[in-house]
Amino acid sequence: MQLIPRHDPHLVVRSTGGLTVAALRGELDLVLVRHLRPELDALVRECDALTVDIRYLTFCDATGLGLLAHCAGRTRGRGAHWRLVCDQPWILRLIRLTALGDLLCPEPGLPDQPDPSDPGVTSPVS
């Protein structure tokens, strides 16, 4: 996969050694879902291992959960590895209430992932 650097305040993507991490920021609502869906769909199609980090979201509605469920289902459907990083109790509660836990399988974090809000982290996106 060739990554093209560009500035997007809502999505930071980095790939290393076959693992792609997409960190989402902001409010994952209908407007942001429409903006991010094409880029996330491209990652889902091309990655062998995709981690979506939503620890930096400030809001997530049903449309946002639908996008995450779509990405998880498509990633696993291709036989690729899916991981969702989430440590926010309010989002974890939404995942539990919507019975998406088995599909999304949220994890609290990964110690080897740099903080995407770090200015040294670039934001290349496909």
Protein backbone atom coordinates (compact mmCIF):
# COMPACT_ATOMS: atom_id res chain seq x y z
CA MET A 1 0.00 0.00 0.00
CA GLN A 2 1.33 3.40 -0.93
CA LEU A 3 0.57 6.11 1.59
CA ILE A 4 0.19 9.69 0.45
CA PRO A 5 1.01 12.31 3.11
CA ARG A 6 -1.71 14.88 3.72
CA HIS A 7 -3.06 16.81 6.64
CA ASP A 8 -6.28 15.55 8.20
CA PRO A 9 -7.06 16.61 11.76
CA HIS A 10 -9.44 13.66 12.22
CA LEU A 11 -7.34 10.76 10.94
CA VAL A 12 -3.71 9.85 11.46
CA VAL A 13 -2.53 6.71 9.67
CA ARG A 14 0.82 5.02 9.97
CA SER A 15 2.08 1.68 8.72
CA THR A 16 5.00 -0.33 9.96
CA GLY A 17 5.92 -3.90 9.21
CA GLY A 18 2.52 -4.96 7.90
CA LEU A 19 0.54 -3.29 10.71
CA THR A 20 -1.52 -0.21 9.92
CA VAL A 21 -2.82 2.00 12.72
CA ALA A 22 -5.59 4.52 12.03
CA ALA A 23 -6.15 6.93 14.93
CA LEU A 24 -9.43 8.83 14.85
CA ARG A 25 -9.99 12.19 16.54
CA GLY A 26 -12.94 14.48 17.00
CA GLU A 27 -16.65 13.72 16.87
CA LEU A 28 -17.47 10.51 15.02
CA ASP A 29 -20.91 11.52 13.77
CA LEU A 30 -22.66 11.50 10.39
CA VAL A 31 -20.51 14.35 9.02
CA LEU A 32 -17.18 12.79 9.99
CA VAL A 33 -18.29 9.30 8.94
CA ARG A 34 -19.02 10.61 5.43
CA HIS A 35 -15.57 12.20 5.37
CA LEU A 36 -13.66 9.18 6.71
CA ARG A 37 -15.51 6.26 5.14
CA PRO A 38 -13.70 6.28 1.76
CA GLU A 39 -10.31 6.43 3.45
CA LEU A 40 -11.14 3.73 5.98
CA ASP A 41 -12.63 1.55 3.23
CA ALA A 42 -9.33 1.83 1.33
CA LEU A 43 -7.40 0.78 4.45
CA VAL A 44 -9.76 -2.15 5.02
CA ARG A 45 -9.23 -3.33 1.42
CA GLU A 46 -5.45 -3.07 1.51
CA CYS A 47 -4.26 -3.90 5.04
CA ASP A 48 -3.37 -7.31 6.39
CA ALA A 49 -3.58 -6.01 9.97
CA LEU A 50 -5.64 -2.93 10.82
CA THR A 51 -5.80 -1.28 14.22
CA VAL A 52 -8.31 1.53 14.68
CA ASP A 53 -7.53 3.71 17.71
CA ILE A 54 -10.55 5.67 18.95
CA ARG A 55 -9.13 6.80 22.31
CA TYR A 56 -9.10 10.41 21.10
CA LEU A 57 -12.74 10.68 20.04
CA THR A 58 -14.80 13.27 21.88
CA PHE A 59 -18.14 11.94 20.61
CA CYS A 60 -19.47 8.85 18.86
CA ASP A 61 -23.04 8.23 17.72
CA ALA A 62 -24.79 5.28 16.09
CA THR A 63 -23.44 6.30 12.67
CA GLY A 64 -19.89 6.18 14.05
CA LEU A 65 -20.48 2.76 15.61
CA GLY A 66 -21.91 1.61 12.28
CA LEU A 67 -18.73 2.68 10.50
CA LEU A 68 -16.57 0.82 13.02
CA ALA A 69 -18.75 -2.30 12.70
CA HIS A 70 -18.55 -2.06 8.90
CA CYS A 71 -14.75 -1.83 9.02
CA ALA A 72 -14.43 -4.70 11.50
CA GLY A 73 -16.72 -6.98 9.48
CA ARG A 74 -15.04 -6.23 6.16
CA THR A 75 -11.53 -6.58 7.61
CA ARG A 76 -12.27 -9.94 9.19
CA GLY A 77 -14.23 -11.03 6.11
CA ARG A 78 -11.03 -10.69 4.06
CA GLY A 79 -9.13 -12.76 6.63
CA ALA A 80 -7.15 -9.75 7.87
CA HIS A 81 -6.46 -8.97 11.53
CA TRP A 82 -8.73 -6.36 13.20
CA ARG A 83 -8.06 -4.51 16.44
CA LEU A 84 -10.02 -1.66 18.05
CA VAL A 85 -8.28 0.37 20.75
CA CYS A 86 -10.72 2.12 23.10
CA ASP A 87 -10.35 3.07 26.76
CA GLN A 88 -13.26 5.48 27.09
CA PRO A 89 -16.00 4.10 29.37
CA TRP A 90 -18.81 5.93 27.57
CA ILE A 91 -17.87 4.42 24.18
CA LEU A 92 -17.36 0.99 25.73
CA ARG A 93 -20.85 1.30 27.22
CA LEU A 94 -22.30 2.14 23.77
CA ILE A 95 -20.53 -0.89 22.30
CA ARG A 96 -21.96 -3.09 25.07
CA LEU A 97 -25.50 -1.65 24.78
CA THR A 98 -25.54 -2.18 21.01
CA ALA A 99 -24.21 -5.75 21.36
CA LEU A 100 -21.23 -4.97 19.10
CA GLY A 101 -18.63 -6.23 21.57
CA ASP A 102 -18.09 -9.56 19.80
CA LEU A 103 -17.59 -7.84 16.45
CA LEU A 104 -15.54 -4.84 17.55
CA CYS A 105 -13.58 -6.55 20.39
CA PRO A 106 -12.35 -3.30 22.00
CA GLU A 107 -9.02 -3.36 23.83
CA PRO A 108 -7.83 -0.69 26.29
CA GLY A 109 -4.60 0.14 24.49
CA LEU A 110 -1.35 -1.08 23.10
CA PRO A 111 1.85 -0.07 24.89
CA ASP A 112 3.94 -0.05 21.71
CA GLN A 113 1.72 2.51 19.94
CA PRO A 114 2.93 6.11 19.99
CA ASP A 115 0.46 8.81 20.93
CA PRO A 116 -1.10 10.11 17.67
CA SER A 117 -1.37 13.58 19.20
CA ASP A 118 2.44 13.65 19.34
CA PRO A 119 3.63 16.31 16.84
CA GLY A 120 6.32 13.89 15.64
CA VAL A 121 3.70 11.46 14.29
CA THR A 122 2.98 12.06 10.62
CA SER A 123 -0.44 11.72 9.05
CA PRO A 124 -0.08 9.84 5.78
CA VAL A 125 -3.35 8.58 4.38
CA SER A 126 -4.11 6.40 1.39
